[in-house]
């Protein structure tokens, strides 16, 4: 996987969208109708590939994020709000229970 071309990297994201968004969900809150920002996408792409042993430059991760987000708009996964933000439009990410999804999460310390 380390010798992938730019087009292969983009195709891999498109074909592994579910894996990518599982990775994103482990880093950022992601819910149906929530706002997703370009920098979250860019650093998500960069981190996703770093976990796979592929180091992307800032500009390459930015370009991949832009192209991937355009594809997600075409697929109706994202609804464009601005050039740098989208609304998550996928029912997979509807919260199952009303209320704060982080209510029972314990954060470090005692």
N, C-alpha and C. Protein backbone atom coordinates (compact mmCIF):
# COMPACT_ATOMS: atom_id res chain seq x y z
N UNK A 1 0.82 -1.20 0.00
CA UNK A 1 0.00 0.00 0.00
C UNK A 1 0.86 1.26 0.00
N UNK A 2 2.12 1.17 0.36
CA UNK A 2 2.97 2.35 0.46
C UNK A 2 3.31 2.98 -0.89
N UNK A 3 3.19 2.24 -2.00
CA UNK A 3 3.55 2.76 -3.31
C UNK A 3 2.32 3.18 -4.12
N UNK A 4 1.29 3.66 -3.46
CA UNK A 4 0.05 4.04 -4.15
C UNK A 4 0.20 5.39 -4.83
N UNK A 5 -0.41 5.53 -6.01
CA UNK A 5 -0.45 6.83 -6.68
C UNK A 5 -1.54 7.67 -6.04
N UNK A 6 -1.55 8.94 -6.38
CA UNK A 6 -2.56 9.85 -5.84
C UNK A 6 -3.97 9.36 -6.18
N UNK A 7 -4.18 8.95 -7.43
CA UNK A 7 -5.51 8.45 -7.83
C UNK A 7 -5.88 7.18 -7.08
N UNK A 8 -4.89 6.33 -6.79
CA UNK A 8 -5.16 5.13 -6.00
C UNK A 8 -5.56 5.50 -4.58
N UNK A 9 -4.91 6.52 -4.02
CA UNK A 9 -5.25 6.97 -2.67
C UNK A 9 -6.69 7.47 -2.61
N UNK A 10 -7.08 8.24 -3.63
CA UNK A 10 -8.45 8.74 -3.67
C UNK A 10 -9.43 7.58 -3.86
N UNK A 11 -9.14 6.68 -4.76
CA UNK A 11 -10.02 5.53 -4.99
C UNK A 11 -10.15 4.68 -3.74
N UNK A 12 -9.05 4.51 -3.01
CA UNK A 12 -9.08 3.74 -1.77
C UNK A 12 -10.03 4.39 -0.76
N UNK A 13 -9.97 5.72 -0.63
CA UNK A 13 -10.89 6.42 0.28
C UNK A 13 -12.34 6.21 -0.14
N UNK A 14 -12.60 6.36 -1.42
CA UNK A 14 -13.97 6.21 -1.93
C UNK A 14 -14.49 4.80 -1.68
N UNK A 15 -13.65 3.82 -1.95
CA UNK A 15 -14.06 2.42 -1.81
C UNK A 15 -14.09 1.94 -0.36
N UNK A 16 -13.45 2.68 0.52
CA UNK A 16 -13.39 2.31 1.95
C UNK A 16 -13.96 3.41 2.82
N UNK A 17 -15.01 4.04 2.31
CA UNK A 17 -15.64 5.17 3.01
C UNK A 17 -16.07 4.80 4.43
N UNK A 18 -16.62 3.60 4.59
CA UNK A 18 -17.09 3.18 5.91
C UNK A 18 -15.92 3.07 6.90
N UNK A 19 -14.82 2.48 6.48
CA UNK A 19 -13.63 2.39 7.34
C UNK A 19 -13.10 3.78 7.68
N UNK A 20 -13.08 4.66 6.68
CA UNK A 20 -12.61 6.02 6.92
C UNK A 20 -13.47 6.71 7.97
N UNK A 21 -14.79 6.62 7.82
CA UNK A 21 -15.66 7.31 8.77
C UNK A 21 -15.70 6.62 10.14
N UNK A 22 -15.42 5.34 10.21
CA UNK A 22 -15.22 4.71 11.53
C UNK A 22 -13.99 5.30 12.21
N UNK A 23 -12.93 5.52 11.42
CA UNK A 23 -11.73 6.17 11.97
C UNK A 23 -12.08 7.59 12.43
N UNK A 24 -12.81 8.32 11.60
CA UNK A 24 -13.19 9.70 11.95
C UNK A 24 -14.01 9.71 13.24
N UNK A 25 -14.97 8.78 13.35
CA UNK A 25 -15.81 8.71 14.56
C UNK A 25 -14.99 8.44 15.81
N UNK A 26 -13.85 7.78 15.66
CA UNK A 26 -13.00 7.53 16.83
C UNK A 26 -12.25 8.79 17.26
N UNK A 27 -12.21 9.79 16.39
CA UNK A 27 -11.47 11.03 16.67
C UNK A 27 -12.37 12.23 16.92
N UNK A 28 -13.49 12.29 16.20
CA UNK A 28 -14.38 13.46 16.24
C UNK A 28 -15.82 12.99 16.38
N UNK A 29 -16.67 13.82 16.98
CA UNK A 29 -18.10 13.49 16.99
C UNK A 29 -18.63 13.55 15.55
N UNK A 30 -19.42 12.60 15.16
CA UNK A 30 -19.98 12.56 13.81
C UNK A 30 -21.40 12.02 13.90
N UNK A 31 -22.37 12.87 13.57
CA UNK A 31 -23.78 12.51 13.67
C UNK A 31 -24.51 12.99 12.43
N UNK A 32 -25.63 12.35 12.14
CA UNK A 32 -26.50 12.81 11.06
C UNK A 32 -26.90 14.26 11.34
N UNK A 33 -26.84 15.08 10.31
CA UNK A 33 -27.17 16.51 10.36
C UNK A 33 -26.13 17.34 11.11
N UNK A 34 -25.02 16.75 11.54
CA UNK A 34 -23.97 17.56 12.18
C UNK A 34 -23.12 18.20 11.09
N UNK A 35 -22.39 19.22 11.48
CA UNK A 35 -21.52 19.95 10.55
C UNK A 35 -20.13 19.32 10.61
N UNK A 36 -19.57 19.12 9.44
CA UNK A 36 -18.22 18.55 9.32
C UNK A 36 -17.37 19.56 8.56
N UNK A 37 -16.24 19.92 9.12
CA UNK A 37 -15.42 20.99 8.57
C UNK A 37 -14.25 20.45 7.74
N UNK A 38 -13.80 21.28 6.81
CA UNK A 38 -12.74 20.86 5.90
C UNK A 38 -11.47 20.42 6.63
N UNK A 39 -11.04 21.17 7.63
CA UNK A 39 -9.80 20.79 8.33
C UNK A 39 -9.95 19.46 9.05
N UNK A 40 -11.15 19.16 9.55
CA UNK A 40 -11.39 17.83 10.14
C UNK A 40 -11.23 16.75 9.07
N UNK A 41 -11.73 17.04 7.88
CA UNK A 41 -11.59 16.09 6.77
C UNK A 41 -10.12 15.94 6.39
N UNK A 42 -9.43 17.06 6.26
CA UNK A 42 -8.01 17.01 5.85
C UNK A 42 -7.17 16.23 6.85
N UNK A 43 -7.28 16.58 8.12
CA UNK A 43 -6.47 15.89 9.12
C UNK A 43 -6.96 14.46 9.35
N UNK A 44 -8.25 14.21 9.08
CA UNK A 44 -8.75 12.84 9.12
C UNK A 44 -8.12 11.99 8.03
N UNK A 45 -8.03 12.54 6.81
CA UNK A 45 -7.39 11.83 5.69
C UNK A 45 -5.93 11.57 6.02
N UNK A 46 -5.26 12.59 6.52
CA UNK A 46 -3.83 12.46 6.85
C UNK A 46 -3.62 11.38 7.91
N UNK A 47 -4.41 11.41 8.99
CA UNK A 47 -4.30 10.43 10.06
C UNK A 47 -4.68 9.02 9.63
N UNK A 48 -5.72 8.92 8.81
CA UNK A 48 -6.18 7.62 8.31
C UNK A 48 -5.06 6.93 7.53
N UNK A 49 -4.39 7.69 6.68
CA UNK A 49 -3.30 7.08 5.91
C UNK A 49 -2.04 6.86 6.76
N UNK A 50 -1.79 7.72 7.73
CA UNK A 50 -0.64 7.49 8.61
C UNK A 50 -0.78 6.18 9.36
N UNK A 51 -2.02 5.84 9.77
CA UNK A 51 -2.25 4.55 10.45
C UNK A 51 -1.97 3.38 9.52
N UNK A 52 -1.98 3.63 8.23
CA UNK A 52 -1.70 2.58 7.25
C UNK A 52 -0.26 2.65 6.75
N UNK A 53 0.56 3.50 7.38
CA UNK A 53 1.97 3.60 7.03
C UNK A 53 2.27 4.50 5.85
N UNK A 54 1.31 5.33 5.46
CA UNK A 54 1.51 6.24 4.33
C UNK A 54 1.53 7.67 4.86
N UNK A 55 2.65 8.34 4.68
CA UNK A 55 2.79 9.72 5.13
C UNK A 55 2.45 10.67 3.98
N UNK A 56 1.46 11.50 4.20
CA UNK A 56 1.04 12.48 3.19
C UNK A 56 1.54 13.86 3.58
N UNK A 57 1.90 14.65 2.59
CA UNK A 57 2.26 16.04 2.85
C UNK A 57 0.98 16.81 3.17
N UNK A 58 1.16 18.00 3.73
CA UNK A 58 0.02 18.86 4.05
C UNK A 58 -0.78 19.13 2.77
N UNK A 59 -0.08 19.48 1.69
CA UNK A 59 -0.77 19.83 0.44
C UNK A 59 -1.46 18.62 -0.18
N UNK A 60 -0.84 17.44 -0.11
CA UNK A 60 -1.48 16.24 -0.65
C UNK A 60 -2.72 15.87 0.16
N UNK A 61 -2.64 15.98 1.48
CA UNK A 61 -3.81 15.66 2.30
C UNK A 61 -4.93 16.66 2.04
N UNK A 62 -4.56 17.91 1.80
CA UNK A 62 -5.55 18.94 1.49
C UNK A 62 -6.24 18.63 0.15
N UNK A 63 -5.46 18.28 -0.85
CA UNK A 63 -6.01 17.96 -2.17
C UNK A 63 -6.89 16.72 -2.11
N UNK A 64 -6.43 15.68 -1.44
CA UNK A 64 -7.24 14.46 -1.29
C UNK A 64 -8.55 14.74 -0.56
N UNK A 65 -8.47 15.53 0.49
CA UNK A 65 -9.67 15.87 1.27
C UNK A 65 -10.67 16.63 0.40
N UNK A 66 -10.18 17.54 -0.41
CA UNK A 66 -11.06 18.33 -1.29
C UNK A 66 -11.75 17.41 -2.31
N UNK A 67 -10.98 16.55 -2.96
CA UNK A 67 -11.54 15.65 -3.97
C UNK A 67 -12.49 14.62 -3.36
N UNK A 68 -12.13 14.10 -2.20
CA UNK A 68 -12.97 13.12 -1.52
C UNK A 68 -14.29 13.77 -1.08
N UNK A 69 -14.24 14.98 -0.57
CA UNK A 69 -15.46 15.65 -0.14
C UNK A 69 -16.37 15.94 -1.33
N UNK A 70 -15.80 16.26 -2.49
CA UNK A 70 -16.60 16.47 -3.69
C UNK A 70 -17.33 15.18 -4.07
N UNK A 71 -16.64 14.06 -3.96
CA UNK A 71 -17.26 12.77 -4.25
C UNK A 71 -18.38 12.48 -3.25
N UNK A 72 -18.17 12.81 -1.99
CA UNK A 72 -19.19 12.57 -0.96
C UNK A 72 -20.42 13.44 -1.18
N UNK A 73 -20.23 14.63 -1.73
CA UNK A 73 -21.37 15.48 -2.10
C UNK A 73 -22.15 14.82 -3.24
N UNK A 74 -21.43 14.32 -4.25
CA UNK A 74 -22.08 13.63 -5.37
C UNK A 74 -22.89 12.42 -4.89
N UNK A 75 -22.36 11.72 -3.90
CA UNK A 75 -23.03 10.53 -3.36
C UNK A 75 -24.13 10.88 -2.36
N UNK A 76 -24.33 12.17 -2.11
CA UNK A 76 -25.34 12.67 -1.15
C UNK A 76 -25.03 12.30 0.30
N UNK A 77 -23.78 11.89 0.56
CA UNK A 77 -23.36 11.64 1.94
C UNK A 77 -23.22 12.97 2.67
N UNK A 78 -22.67 13.96 1.97
CA UNK A 78 -22.53 15.32 2.48
C UNK A 78 -23.48 16.24 1.73
N UNK A 79 -23.97 17.24 2.44
CA UNK A 79 -24.68 18.34 1.82
C UNK A 79 -23.82 19.59 2.02
N UNK A 80 -23.46 20.25 0.93
CA UNK A 80 -22.55 21.38 1.02
C UNK A 80 -23.21 22.57 1.71
N UNK A 81 -22.48 23.12 2.69
CA UNK A 81 -22.93 24.32 3.38
C UNK A 81 -22.11 25.50 2.89
N UNK A 82 -20.79 25.28 2.79
CA UNK A 82 -19.87 26.28 2.25
C UNK A 82 -18.71 25.52 1.62
N UNK A 83 -17.71 26.25 1.13
CA UNK A 83 -16.54 25.57 0.56
C UNK A 83 -15.76 24.79 1.60
N UNK A 84 -15.98 25.11 2.87
CA UNK A 84 -15.21 24.48 3.94
C UNK A 84 -16.05 23.74 4.97
N UNK A 85 -17.31 23.50 4.66
CA UNK A 85 -18.13 22.76 5.62
C UNK A 85 -19.29 22.06 4.91
N UNK A 86 -19.70 20.95 5.53
CA UNK A 86 -20.78 20.13 4.98
C UNK A 86 -21.64 19.64 6.12
N UNK A 87 -22.87 19.30 5.79
CA UNK A 87 -23.76 18.65 6.74
C UNK A 87 -23.74 17.16 6.43
N UNK A 88 -23.59 16.34 7.46
CA UNK A 88 -23.61 14.88 7.29
C UNK A 88 -25.05 14.48 6.99
N UNK A 89 -25.24 13.86 5.83
CA UNK A 89 -26.58 13.56 5.34
C UNK A 89 -26.77 12.05 5.18
N UNK A 90 -26.22 11.28 6.09
CA UNK A 90 -26.29 9.82 6.00
C UNK A 90 -27.00 9.29 7.24
N UNK A 91 -28.07 8.56 7.03
CA UNK A 91 -28.88 8.06 8.16
C UNK A 91 -28.15 7.04 9.02
N UNK A 92 -27.04 6.52 8.54
CA UNK A 92 -26.23 5.60 9.35
C UNK A 92 -25.79 6.28 10.65
N UNK A 93 -25.67 7.59 10.61
CA UNK A 93 -25.14 8.34 11.75
C UNK A 93 -26.21 9.01 12.60
N UNK A 94 -27.46 8.57 12.43
CA UNK A 94 -28.53 9.06 13.30
C UNK A 94 -28.28 8.53 14.70
N UNK A 95 -28.41 9.38 15.71
CA UNK A 95 -28.23 8.92 17.08
C UNK A 95 -29.40 8.02 17.45
N UNK A 96 -29.12 6.97 18.18
CA UNK A 96 -30.13 5.97 18.52
C UNK A 96 -31.00 6.40 19.70
N UNK A 97 -30.43 7.18 20.58
CA UNK A 97 -31.17 7.63 21.76
C UNK A 97 -31.06 9.14 21.85
N UNK A 98 -32.16 9.80 22.23
CA UNK A 98 -32.07 11.25 22.39
C UNK A 98 -31.19 11.60 23.59
N UNK A 99 -30.61 12.77 23.55
CA UNK A 99 -29.80 13.23 24.67
C UNK A 99 -28.32 13.29 24.33
N UNK A 100 -27.52 13.49 25.34
CA UNK A 100 -26.08 13.65 25.19
C UNK A 100 -25.41 12.30 24.99
N UNK A 101 -24.81 12.06 23.81
CA UNK A 101 -24.18 10.76 23.57
C UNK A 101 -22.91 10.54 24.39
N UNK A 102 -22.38 11.61 25.00
CA UNK A 102 -21.16 11.50 25.79
C UNK A 102 -21.42 11.54 27.29
N UNK A 103 -22.69 11.44 27.69
CA UNK A 103 -23.07 11.57 29.09
C UNK A 103 -22.34 10.58 29.99
N UNK A 104 -22.17 9.35 29.55
CA UNK A 104 -21.57 8.31 30.39
C UNK A 104 -20.11 8.05 30.09
N UNK A 105 -19.48 8.92 29.31
CA UNK A 105 -18.08 8.74 28.95
C UNK A 105 -17.19 9.24 30.10
N UNK A 106 -16.26 8.39 30.50
CA UNK A 106 -15.32 8.75 31.56
C UNK A 106 -14.05 9.28 30.90
N UNK A 107 -13.60 10.45 31.28
CA UNK A 107 -12.38 11.03 30.74
C UNK A 107 -11.27 10.94 31.76
N UNK A 108 -10.15 10.34 31.39
CA UNK A 108 -8.91 10.22 32.20
C UNK A 108 -9.04 10.55 33.68
N UNK A 109 -7.96 10.46 34.38
CA UNK A 109 -7.89 10.80 35.80
C UNK A 109 -8.67 9.84 36.68
N UNK A 110 -8.97 10.30 37.88
CA UNK A 110 -9.66 9.46 38.86
C UNK A 110 -11.14 9.54 38.71
